Structure formats: C-alpha cells, structure tokens
Amino acid sequence: LSAAELTLTAPLPHQVVQRSSPGKGLLRIAGELSEELSGKDAVIEARLVGEKDATGWQRAGGSISGKKLSGTFEAPAGGWWTLEVRVTREGKVLALGKIGPVGVGEVFVVAGQSNSANYGEEKLTPQTGLVTAFDGTKWAPAMDPQPGASGNKGSFLPPLGDALATKLGVPIGFVSCGIGAT
C-alpha cells in the first residue's frame, strides 16, 4: 500500500521564521491529509534537507484530527531547507509531504512613509538569495517593489537584507506596510 498524500499549508515556501535563539527556531507545521488517519498511536515526524546536508527524522509535537495535521518542529537557524513531514505508526509510513524552501532567521516589520513605501528612485533585487518578503498571503524573494507597501518603485530593503544576511548568516524576512505621505 502507498502512503497517503500530505499537503503542507505551513510553513509557506520562502517563509522565514523568527529564530528564538542564535541557533534555532520553532517551525509551525500544518497540513491536510488525502485520507483520514484513525488511531491515537500515529506519530508526526519531520526532518530538514539542505543542499549539502540533512537532519535525521525527529518526532514533532502535534496532533492529527481527521484529515488535519498540526504541530511544531525545532529547526536550526541559517540557510534554506526543504521540510519533510511524515506520519508513521509502528515504523510504517502512513503519509508523507514536503515543502520548501523554508528558513529560520530574522523577520522585520517595516513601517513608515516614503522610504519604507517603495518610493525610491531605483528598483533593487537582493543578491544573496537569503532575503524574502511577505505580502500577507505568500512569501517570495524580496525584489522591488516590496509587497504590502503603497508605492511601486524601489526601496532600501534588498541591500539591507543582503547586508543583514551576510552579517548574521541567516535568512532575512521583511513584512512591509509603509504608506507614502503618512
């Protein structure tokens, strides 16, 4: 028999989760199973797979209710990972899903007027590959104009994100909500 499909709804692709200490953070896991899994002895496990390494499978805190799965998983800070989640019972894989890239790093809310609202002269693009932005629904690379802010030109966020990612060695996430002339 093949495993049920697990569609992960959290974290989101390109999401940066705020780290809780210099070396780690807590990923919230949520998903929907293609079929109900009954019984309380099912175990949620997760691991992270990177370009050059992977963590081992670890038990994730959480629960399964009908077709819904939720839980948490402690992840190391720095770089991008693919999150793999599986549900097992007595060593047998019942469901499997994955999502990525996801990262644990620093998240900044950017508010204010023109300078935070995409009214810069030149549209910029991050160069490190470690800088993303959230538009209220999805995460994506933080290319200008920044989602969530009122203007449609450039911002200071791509080079700031690159500088922070280089200095701190972790992914950087921005949530912009600047509105010009406020």
N, C-alpha and C. Protein backbone atom coordinates (compact mmCIF):
# COMPACT_ATOMS: atom_id res chain seq x y z
N LEU A 1 0.84 -1.19 0.00
CA LEU A 1 0.00 0.00 0.00
C LEU A 1 0.87 1.23 0.00
N SER A 2 0.44 2.27 -0.72
CA SER A 2 1.20 3.51 -0.76
C SER A 2 0.74 4.44 0.36
N ALA A 3 1.60 5.37 0.73
CA ALA A 3 1.30 6.32 1.79
C ALA A 3 0.29 7.35 1.30
N ALA A 4 -0.50 7.88 2.22
CA ALA A 4 -1.42 8.96 1.91
C ALA A 4 -0.62 10.21 1.58
N GLU A 5 -1.22 11.09 0.84
CA GLU A 5 -0.55 12.34 0.50
C GLU A 5 -0.78 13.36 1.62
N LEU A 6 0.26 14.10 1.97
CA LEU A 6 0.18 15.15 2.96
C LEU A 6 0.53 16.46 2.28
N THR A 7 -0.43 17.37 2.21
CA THR A 7 -0.21 18.70 1.63
C THR A 7 0.05 19.66 2.78
N LEU A 8 1.26 20.18 2.86
CA LEU A 8 1.62 21.10 3.94
C LEU A 8 1.13 22.51 3.61
N THR A 9 0.48 23.16 4.57
CA THR A 9 -0.01 24.53 4.42
C THR A 9 0.79 25.50 5.28
N ALA A 10 1.62 24.99 6.18
CA ALA A 10 2.52 25.82 6.99
C ALA A 10 3.72 24.95 7.35
N PRO A 11 4.89 25.50 7.25
CA PRO A 11 5.20 26.85 6.79
C PRO A 11 4.95 27.00 5.29
N LEU A 12 5.05 28.24 4.82
CA LEU A 12 4.88 28.54 3.40
C LEU A 12 6.23 28.51 2.68
N PRO A 13 6.26 28.27 1.37
CA PRO A 13 7.51 28.36 0.62
C PRO A 13 8.14 29.75 0.78
N HIS A 14 9.43 29.82 0.95
CA HIS A 14 10.23 31.04 1.13
C HIS A 14 9.98 31.73 2.47
N GLN A 15 9.24 31.09 3.37
CA GLN A 15 8.96 31.71 4.66
C GLN A 15 10.20 31.72 5.53
N VAL A 16 10.39 32.84 6.22
CA VAL A 16 11.42 32.95 7.24
C VAL A 16 10.70 32.98 8.58
N VAL A 17 11.10 32.12 9.48
CA VAL A 17 10.54 32.06 10.83
C VAL A 17 11.55 32.70 11.77
N GLN A 18 11.05 33.57 12.66
CA GLN A 18 11.93 34.25 13.61
C GLN A 18 12.61 33.23 14.52
N ARG A 19 13.92 33.34 14.62
CA ARG A 19 14.64 32.42 15.49
C ARG A 19 14.39 32.81 16.96
N SER A 20 14.39 31.82 17.82
CA SER A 20 14.15 32.04 19.25
C SER A 20 15.45 32.14 20.03
N SER A 21 16.55 31.70 19.43
CA SER A 21 17.89 31.82 20.00
C SER A 21 18.83 31.93 18.80
N PRO A 22 20.11 32.22 19.00
CA PRO A 22 21.00 32.36 17.85
C PRO A 22 21.04 31.14 16.94
N GLY A 23 20.80 29.94 17.47
CA GLY A 23 20.98 28.74 16.67
C GLY A 23 19.73 27.99 16.26
N LYS A 24 18.53 28.47 16.68
CA LYS A 24 17.34 27.68 16.35
C LYS A 24 16.06 28.50 16.43
N GLY A 25 14.99 27.89 15.91
CA GLY A 25 13.67 28.48 15.96
C GLY A 25 12.63 27.38 15.83
N LEU A 26 11.38 27.73 16.03
CA LEU A 26 10.31 26.76 16.04
C LEU A 26 9.44 26.92 14.80
N LEU A 27 9.41 25.89 13.95
CA LEU A 27 8.55 25.89 12.77
C LEU A 27 7.18 25.37 13.16
N ARG A 28 6.15 26.11 12.80
CA ARG A 28 4.78 25.63 12.97
C ARG A 28 4.44 24.81 11.74
N ILE A 29 3.96 23.59 11.95
CA ILE A 29 3.61 22.69 10.85
C ILE A 29 2.10 22.54 10.81
N ALA A 30 1.52 22.66 9.62
CA ALA A 30 0.09 22.39 9.42
C ALA A 30 -0.07 21.76 8.06
N GLY A 31 -1.06 20.90 7.94
CA GLY A 31 -1.29 20.26 6.66
C GLY A 31 -2.60 19.52 6.61
N GLU A 32 -2.89 19.04 5.40
CA GLU A 32 -4.11 18.27 5.18
C GLU A 32 -3.74 16.95 4.52
N LEU A 33 -4.32 15.89 5.04
CA LEU A 33 -4.08 14.54 4.54
C LEU A 33 -5.10 14.19 3.48
N SER A 34 -4.71 13.36 2.52
CA SER A 34 -5.62 12.95 1.45
C SER A 34 -6.68 11.97 1.95
N GLU A 35 -6.45 11.39 3.12
CA GLU A 35 -7.44 10.49 3.71
C GLU A 35 -7.31 10.56 5.23
N GLU A 36 -8.39 10.25 5.93
CA GLU A 36 -8.37 10.27 7.39
C GLU A 36 -7.46 9.18 7.93
N LEU A 37 -6.73 9.53 8.98
CA LEU A 37 -5.90 8.55 9.68
C LEU A 37 -6.48 8.38 11.07
N SER A 38 -6.92 7.19 11.37
CA SER A 38 -7.53 6.96 12.66
C SER A 38 -6.50 6.41 13.64
N GLY A 39 -6.83 6.52 14.89
CA GLY A 39 -5.96 5.98 15.93
C GLY A 39 -5.06 7.03 16.52
N LYS A 40 -4.82 6.91 17.83
CA LYS A 40 -4.01 7.89 18.53
C LYS A 40 -2.53 7.53 18.54
N ASP A 41 -2.19 6.39 17.99
CA ASP A 41 -0.79 5.96 18.03
C ASP A 41 0.02 6.41 16.82
N ALA A 42 -0.58 7.25 15.96
CA ALA A 42 0.17 7.79 14.82
C ALA A 42 1.14 8.86 15.32
N VAL A 43 2.33 8.88 14.74
CA VAL A 43 3.39 9.79 15.17
C VAL A 43 3.74 10.73 14.02
N ILE A 44 3.87 12.03 14.32
CA ILE A 44 4.31 13.02 13.33
C ILE A 44 5.82 13.16 13.48
N GLU A 45 6.54 13.00 12.36
CA GLU A 45 7.99 13.16 12.35
C GLU A 45 8.36 14.17 11.26
N ALA A 46 9.48 14.85 11.47
CA ALA A 46 9.93 15.83 10.49
C ALA A 46 11.45 15.80 10.39
N ARG A 47 11.93 16.26 9.23
CA ARG A 47 13.37 16.45 9.05
C ARG A 47 13.55 17.59 8.05
N LEU A 48 14.76 18.13 8.04
CA LEU A 48 15.13 19.20 7.12
C LEU A 48 16.21 18.69 6.18
N VAL A 49 16.05 18.99 4.90
CA VAL A 49 17.02 18.59 3.89
C VAL A 49 17.56 19.86 3.23
N GLY A 50 18.87 20.04 3.27
CA GLY A 50 19.51 21.18 2.63
C GLY A 50 20.28 20.75 1.41
N GLU A 51 20.97 21.70 0.80
CA GLU A 51 21.77 21.38 -0.39
C GLU A 51 22.87 20.38 -0.09
N LYS A 52 23.48 20.49 1.09
CA LYS A 52 24.63 19.65 1.40
C LYS A 52 24.42 18.71 2.57
N ASP A 53 23.35 18.89 3.34
CA ASP A 53 23.15 18.03 4.50
C ASP A 53 21.67 17.91 4.84
N ALA A 54 21.40 17.06 5.83
CA ALA A 54 20.03 16.83 6.28
C ALA A 54 20.06 16.51 7.76
N THR A 55 18.96 16.82 8.43
CA THR A 55 18.81 16.39 9.81
C THR A 55 18.18 15.00 9.78
N GLY A 56 18.30 14.28 10.85
CA GLY A 56 17.61 13.00 10.94
C GLY A 56 16.13 13.22 11.23
N TRP A 57 15.33 12.18 11.03
CA TRP A 57 13.91 12.26 11.37
C TRP A 57 13.78 12.43 12.87
N GLN A 58 12.94 13.41 13.27
CA GLN A 58 12.71 13.68 14.69
C GLN A 58 11.22 13.76 14.93
N ARG A 59 10.81 13.32 16.09
CA ARG A 59 9.40 13.41 16.46
C ARG A 59 9.02 14.88 16.60
N ALA A 60 7.92 15.26 15.96
CA ALA A 60 7.41 16.63 16.05
C ALA A 60 6.22 16.64 17.00
N GLY A 61 6.15 17.64 17.84
CA GLY A 61 4.98 17.76 18.70
C GLY A 61 3.77 18.11 17.86
N GLY A 62 2.62 17.55 18.18
CA GLY A 62 1.44 17.89 17.42
C GLY A 62 0.38 16.82 17.48
N SER A 63 -0.62 16.97 16.61
CA SER A 63 -1.74 16.03 16.61
C SER A 63 -2.34 15.90 15.22
N ILE A 64 -3.11 14.83 15.06
CA ILE A 64 -3.85 14.58 13.83
C ILE A 64 -5.31 14.46 14.22
N SER A 65 -6.16 15.19 13.51
CA SER A 65 -7.60 15.13 13.74
C SER A 65 -8.28 14.98 12.39
N GLY A 66 -8.76 13.77 12.10
CA GLY A 66 -9.38 13.50 10.80
C GLY A 66 -8.35 13.64 9.71
N LYS A 67 -8.54 14.63 8.84
CA LYS A 67 -7.60 14.88 7.75
C LYS A 67 -6.64 16.03 8.06
N LYS A 68 -6.74 16.63 9.24
CA LYS A 68 -5.91 17.78 9.59
C LYS A 68 -4.74 17.36 10.48
N LEU A 69 -3.59 17.95 10.19
CA LEU A 69 -2.37 17.70 10.94
C LEU A 69 -1.84 19.05 11.41
N SER A 70 -1.38 19.13 12.66
CA SER A 70 -0.74 20.35 13.15
C SER A 70 0.32 19.97 14.16
N GLY A 71 1.34 20.81 14.25
CA GLY A 71 2.41 20.53 15.18
C GLY A 71 3.50 21.57 15.11
N THR A 72 4.59 21.29 15.79
CA THR A 72 5.76 22.17 15.78
C THR A 72 7.02 21.31 15.67
N PHE A 73 8.07 21.97 15.17
CA PHE A 73 9.33 21.28 14.95
C PHE A 73 10.46 22.28 15.17
N GLU A 74 11.41 21.94 16.02
CA GLU A 74 12.55 22.83 16.26
C GLU A 74 13.56 22.67 15.13
N ALA A 75 13.94 23.79 14.53
CA ALA A 75 14.82 23.77 13.36
C ALA A 75 16.04 24.66 13.59
N PRO A 76 17.16 24.30 12.99
CA PRO A 76 18.36 25.13 13.11
C PRO A 76 18.24 26.40 12.28
N ALA A 77 18.85 27.47 12.78
CA ALA A 77 18.88 28.74 12.06
C ALA A 77 19.93 28.69 10.96
N GLY A 78 19.70 29.50 9.92
CA GLY A 78 20.68 29.64 8.85
C GLY A 78 20.34 28.85 7.61
N GLY A 79 20.36 29.49 6.47
CA GLY A 79 20.17 28.82 5.19
C GLY A 79 18.75 28.38 4.92
N TRP A 80 18.57 27.82 3.72
CA TRP A 80 17.26 27.34 3.28
C TRP A 80 17.20 25.83 3.40
N TRP A 81 16.04 25.34 3.74
CA TRP A 81 15.79 23.91 3.91
C TRP A 81 14.52 23.51 3.17
N THR A 82 14.43 22.23 2.84
CA THR A 82 13.16 21.62 2.47
C THR A 82 12.70 20.86 3.70
N LEU A 83 11.47 21.15 4.13
CA LEU A 83 10.90 20.47 5.29
C LEU A 83 10.14 19.24 4.80
N GLU A 84 10.50 18.08 5.32
CA GLU A 84 9.79 16.85 5.02
C GLU A 84 9.06 16.40 6.28
N VAL A 85 7.80 16.05 6.14
CA VAL A 85 6.98 15.62 7.27
C VAL A 85 6.36 14.28 6.91
N ARG A 86 6.35 13.37 7.88
CA ARG A 86 5.70 12.08 7.66
C ARG A 86 4.91 11.69 8.90
N VAL A 87 3.91 10.86 8.67
CA VAL A 87 3.13 10.28 9.75
C VAL A 87 3.42 8.79 9.74
N THR A 88 3.80 8.25 10.89
CA THR A 88 4.12 6.84 10.99
C THR A 88 3.30 6.16 12.10
N ARG A 89 3.19 4.87 11.97
CA ARG A 89 2.60 4.04 13.02
C ARG A 89 3.38 2.74 13.04
N GLU A 90 3.99 2.46 14.18
CA GLU A 90 4.79 1.25 14.34
C GLU A 90 5.83 1.09 13.23
N GLY A 91 6.48 2.21 12.87
CA GLY A 91 7.54 2.19 11.87
C GLY A 91 7.08 2.23 10.42
N LYS A 92 5.78 2.13 10.18
CA LYS A 92 5.26 2.17 8.81
C LYS A 92 4.83 3.59 8.45
N VAL A 93 5.26 4.07 7.28
CA VAL A 93 4.92 5.43 6.83
C VAL A 93 3.48 5.42 6.30
N LEU A 94 2.63 6.24 6.96
CA LEU A 94 1.22 6.36 6.57
C LEU A 94 0.97 7.54 5.64
N ALA A 95 1.76 8.60 5.79
CA ALA A 95 1.59 9.80 4.97
C ALA A 95 2.93 10.52 4.89
N LEU A 96 3.13 11.23 3.77
CA LEU A 96 4.39 11.93 3.53
C LEU A 96 4.14 13.19 2.73
N GLY A 97 4.81 14.29 3.12
CA GLY A 97 4.71 15.54 2.38
C GLY A 97 5.95 16.38 2.60
N LYS A 98 6.15 17.37 1.72
CA LYS A 98 7.32 18.25 1.88
C LYS A 98 6.99 19.62 1.32
N ILE A 99 7.77 20.60 1.79
CA ILE A 99 7.61 21.98 1.33
C ILE A 99 8.94 22.71 1.50
N GLY A 100 9.19 23.67 0.65
CA GLY A 100 10.42 24.44 0.78
C GLY A 100 10.53 25.45 -0.34
N PRO A 101 11.49 26.30 -0.26
CA PRO A 101 12.44 26.43 0.83
C PRO A 101 11.83 27.16 2.03
N VAL A 102 12.30 26.80 3.23
CA VAL A 102 11.93 27.49 4.45
C VAL A 102 13.21 27.77 5.22
N GLY A 103 13.17 28.82 6.05
CA GLY A 103 14.36 29.17 6.80
C GLY A 103 14.04 29.70 8.17
N VAL A 104 15.00 29.61 9.06
CA VAL A 104 14.91 30.19 10.39
C VAL A 104 15.94 31.29 10.45
N GLY A 105 15.49 32.51 10.73
CA GLY A 105 16.40 33.65 10.74
C GLY A 105 15.80 34.84 11.46
N GLU A 106 15.82 35.98 10.80
CA GLU A 106 15.31 37.22 11.38
C GLU A 106 14.19 37.78 10.52
N VAL A 107 13.11 38.22 11.17
CA VAL A 107 11.96 38.80 10.48
C VAL A 107 11.80 40.23 10.97
N PHE A 108 11.64 41.18 10.02
CA PHE A 108 11.49 42.59 10.35
C PHE A 108 10.20 43.14 9.77
N VAL A 109 9.45 43.87 10.58
CA VAL A 109 8.28 44.61 10.11
C VAL A 109 8.77 46.01 9.78
N VAL A 110 8.48 46.47 8.56
CA VAL A 110 8.97 47.77 8.09
C VAL A 110 7.77 48.68 7.88
N ALA A 111 7.71 49.78 8.65
CA ALA A 111 6.58 50.71 8.57
C ALA A 111 7.11 52.13 8.47
N GLY A 112 6.26 53.04 8.04
CA GLY A 112 6.64 54.43 7.94
C GLY A 112 6.07 55.05 6.68
N GLN A 113 6.76 56.06 6.18
CA GLN A 113 6.28 56.75 4.99
C GLN A 113 7.16 56.46 3.78
N SER A 114 7.43 57.42 2.95
CA SER A 114 8.03 57.22 1.62
C SER A 114 9.19 56.23 1.57
N ASN A 115 10.17 56.37 2.48
CA ASN A 115 11.34 55.49 2.41
C ASN A 115 11.00 54.03 2.64
N SER A 116 9.93 53.76 3.36
CA SER A 116 9.54 52.37 3.62
C SER A 116 8.43 51.91 2.68
N ALA A 117 8.02 52.78 1.76
CA ALA A 117 6.82 52.51 0.96
C ALA A 117 7.08 52.44 -0.54
N ASN A 118 8.27 52.06 -0.95
CA ASN A 118 8.59 51.86 -2.38
C ASN A 118 8.55 53.16 -3.20
N TYR A 119 9.11 54.23 -2.64
CA TYR A 119 9.19 55.47 -3.41
C TYR A 119 10.64 55.83 -3.74
N GLY A 120 11.54 54.85 -3.69
CA GLY A 120 12.94 55.06 -4.05
C GLY A 120 13.11 55.19 -5.55
N GLU A 121 14.20 55.78 -5.97
CA GLU A 121 14.47 56.03 -7.40
C GLU A 121 14.65 54.75 -8.21
N GLU A 122 15.34 53.77 -7.63
CA GLU A 122 15.75 52.60 -8.39
C GLU A 122 15.19 51.31 -7.77
N LYS A 123 14.63 50.44 -8.60
CA LYS A 123 14.18 49.13 -8.12
C LYS A 123 15.40 48.24 -7.93
N LEU A 124 15.47 47.58 -6.77
CA LEU A 124 16.62 46.75 -6.42
C LEU A 124 16.20 45.31 -6.22
N THR A 125 17.17 44.41 -6.31
CA THR A 125 16.95 42.98 -6.13
C THR A 125 18.00 42.45 -5.18
N PRO A 126 17.62 41.63 -4.19
CA PRO A 126 18.63 41.06 -3.30
C PRO A 126 19.58 40.14 -4.07
N GLN A 127 20.82 40.08 -3.63
CA GLN A 127 21.84 39.31 -4.32
C GLN A 127 22.23 38.01 -3.60
N THR A 128 21.94 37.92 -2.30
CA THR A 128 22.39 36.75 -1.53
C THR A 128 21.49 35.53 -1.70
N GLY A 129 20.27 35.73 -2.15
CA GLY A 129 19.31 34.62 -2.22
C GLY A 129 18.71 34.29 -0.86
N LEU A 130 18.97 35.10 0.15
CA LEU A 130 18.51 34.85 1.52
C LEU A 130 17.50 35.88 2.01
N VAL A 131 16.96 36.70 1.12
CA VAL A 131 16.08 37.79 1.55
C VAL A 131 14.71 37.62 0.91
N THR A 132 13.67 37.53 1.76
CA THR A 132 12.31 37.35 1.27
C THR A 132 11.38 38.39 1.86
N ALA A 133 10.17 38.48 1.28
CA ALA A 133 9.17 39.44 1.74
C ALA A 133 7.81 38.76 1.76
N PHE A 134 6.97 39.21 2.68
CA PHE A 134 5.63 38.65 2.87
C PHE A 134 4.60 39.67 2.44
N ASP A 135 3.62 39.25 1.63
CA ASP A 135 2.59 40.17 1.15
C ASP A 135 1.26 40.01 1.89
N GLY A 136 1.25 39.26 2.97
CA GLY A 136 0.02 39.00 3.70
C GLY A 136 -0.56 37.63 3.39
N THR A 137 -0.12 37.04 2.27
CA THR A 137 -0.60 35.73 1.84
C THR A 137 0.54 34.77 1.57
N LYS A 138 1.58 35.27 0.88
CA LYS A 138 2.68 34.40 0.49
C LYS A 138 4.02 35.11 0.69
N TRP A 139 5.08 34.29 0.77
CA TRP A 139 6.46 34.77 0.85
C TRP A 139 7.09 34.61 -0.52
N ALA A 140 7.98 35.53 -0.88
CA ALA A 140 8.70 35.47 -2.15
C ALA A 140 10.00 36.24 -2.02
N PRO A 141 10.97 36.02 -2.92
CA PRO A 141 12.19 36.83 -2.89
C PRO A 141 11.84 38.32 -2.87
N ALA A 142 12.58 39.09 -2.09
CA ALA A 142 12.25 40.49 -1.81
C ALA A 142 12.71 41.45 -2.91
N MET A 143 12.19 41.26 -4.12
CA MET A 143 12.51 42.16 -5.22
C MET A 143 11.57 43.37 -5.17
N ASP A 144 12.10 44.54 -5.47
CA ASP A 144 11.26 45.75 -5.51
C ASP A 144 10.26 45.70 -6.65
N PRO A 145 9.11 46.32 -6.49
CA PRO A 145 8.61 46.97 -5.27
C PRO A 145 8.23 45.93 -4.22
N GLN A 146 8.44 46.30 -2.95
CA GLN A 146 8.15 45.39 -1.85
C GLN A 146 6.64 45.23 -1.69
N PRO A 147 6.17 43.99 -1.54
CA PRO A 147 4.73 43.78 -1.37
C PRO A 147 4.25 44.34 -0.03
N GLY A 148 3.03 44.83 0.00
CA GLY A 148 2.44 45.35 1.22
C GLY A 148 2.62 46.84 1.40
N ALA A 149 3.61 47.45 0.74
CA ALA A 149 3.82 48.89 0.84
C ALA A 149 3.08 49.58 -0.31
N SER A 150 2.83 50.87 -0.18
CA SER A 150 1.93 51.56 -1.11
C SER A 150 2.53 51.92 -2.47
N GLY A 151 3.82 52.17 -2.57
CA GLY A 151 4.40 52.63 -3.84
C GLY A 151 4.74 51.49 -4.79
N ASN A 152 5.23 51.89 -5.99
CA ASN A 152 5.58 50.87 -6.98
C ASN A 152 6.99 51.08 -7.55
N LYS A 153 7.85 51.75 -6.79
CA LYS A 153 9.23 51.97 -7.24
C LYS A 153 10.18 51.12 -6.41
N GLY A 154 11.31 51.71 -6.02
CA GLY A 154 12.33 50.97 -5.31
C GLY A 154 12.31 51.18 -3.81
N SER A 155 13.16 50.38 -3.12
CA SER A 155 13.27 50.50 -1.67
C SER A 155 14.71 50.21 -1.24
N PHE A 156 14.96 50.42 0.04
CA PHE A 156 16.27 50.12 0.62
C PHE A 156 16.35 48.68 1.14
N LEU A 157 15.25 47.94 1.06
CA LEU A 157 15.20 46.62 1.70
C LEU A 157 16.09 45.55 1.05
N PRO A 158 16.18 45.44 -0.28
CA PRO A 158 17.07 44.40 -0.82
C PRO A 158 18.53 44.53 -0.36
N PRO A 159 19.17 45.71 -0.43
CA PRO A 159 20.56 45.75 0.05
C PRO A 159 20.66 45.64 1.57
N LEU A 160 19.67 46.15 2.31
CA LEU A 160 19.69 45.98 3.76
C LEU A 160 19.57 44.51 4.11
N GLY A 161 18.67 43.81 3.45
CA GLY A 161 18.51 42.37 3.69
C GLY A 161 19.78 41.60 3.38
N ASP A 162 20.42 41.94 2.27
CA ASP A 162 21.70 41.29 1.92
C ASP A 162 22.76 41.53 2.99
N ALA A 163 22.86 42.78 3.47
CA ALA A 163 23.85 43.11 4.49
C ALA A 163 23.56 42.35 5.79
N LEU A 164 22.29 42.29 6.19
CA LEU A 164 21.93 41.56 7.40
C LEU A 164 22.18 40.06 7.25
N ALA A 165 21.81 39.49 6.10
CA ALA A 165 22.02 38.06 5.87
C ALA A 165 23.51 37.71 5.91
N THR A 166 24.34 38.57 5.32
CA THR A 166 25.78 38.35 5.33
C THR A 166 26.35 38.47 6.74
N LYS A 167 25.93 39.48 7.48
CA LYS A 167 26.43 39.71 8.84
C LYS A 167 25.96 38.63 9.81
N LEU A 168 24.66 38.24 9.73
CA LEU A 168 24.09 37.33 10.70
C LEU A 168 24.15 35.86 10.28
N GLY A 169 24.32 35.61 8.99
CA GLY A 169 24.40 34.24 8.49
C GLY A 169 23.08 33.49 8.51
N VAL A 170 21.96 34.21 8.40
CA VAL A 170 20.63 33.60 8.41
C VAL A 170 19.75 34.25 7.36
N PRO A 171 18.66 33.59 6.95
CA PRO A 171 17.70 34.23 6.05
C PRO A 171 17.05 35.44 6.72
N ILE A 172 16.67 36.39 5.90
CA ILE A 172 16.03 37.62 6.38
C ILE A 172 14.65 37.73 5.74
N GLY A 173 13.63 37.99 6.54
CA GLY A 173 12.28 38.19 6.03
C GLY A 173 11.79 39.59 6.36
N PHE A 174 11.15 40.23 5.38
CA PHE A 174 10.57 41.56 5.58
C PHE A 174 9.06 41.50 5.41
N VAL A 175 8.38 42.23 6.28
CA VAL A 175 6.94 42.44 6.16
C VAL A 175 6.76 43.95 6.08
N SER A 176 6.51 44.45 4.86
CA SER A 176 6.41 45.89 4.63
C SER A 176 4.96 46.35 4.74
N CYS A 177 4.78 47.48 5.41
CA CYS A 177 3.44 48.06 5.48
C CYS A 177 3.51 49.59 5.44
N GLY A 178 4.55 50.13 4.79
CA GLY A 178 4.71 51.58 4.69
C GLY A 178 3.72 52.19 3.71
N ILE A 179 3.26 53.40 4.05
CA ILE A 179 2.33 54.13 3.19
C ILE A 179 2.90 55.54 3.01
N GLY A 180 3.11 55.94 1.75
CA GLY A 180 3.67 57.23 1.45
C GLY A 180 2.84 58.39 1.98
N ALA A 181 3.51 59.48 2.39
CA ALA A 181 2.91 60.72 2.83
C ALA A 181 2.08 60.58 4.11
N THR A 182 2.43 59.59 4.94
CA THR A 182 1.70 59.45 6.22
C THR A 182 2.44 60.12 7.33
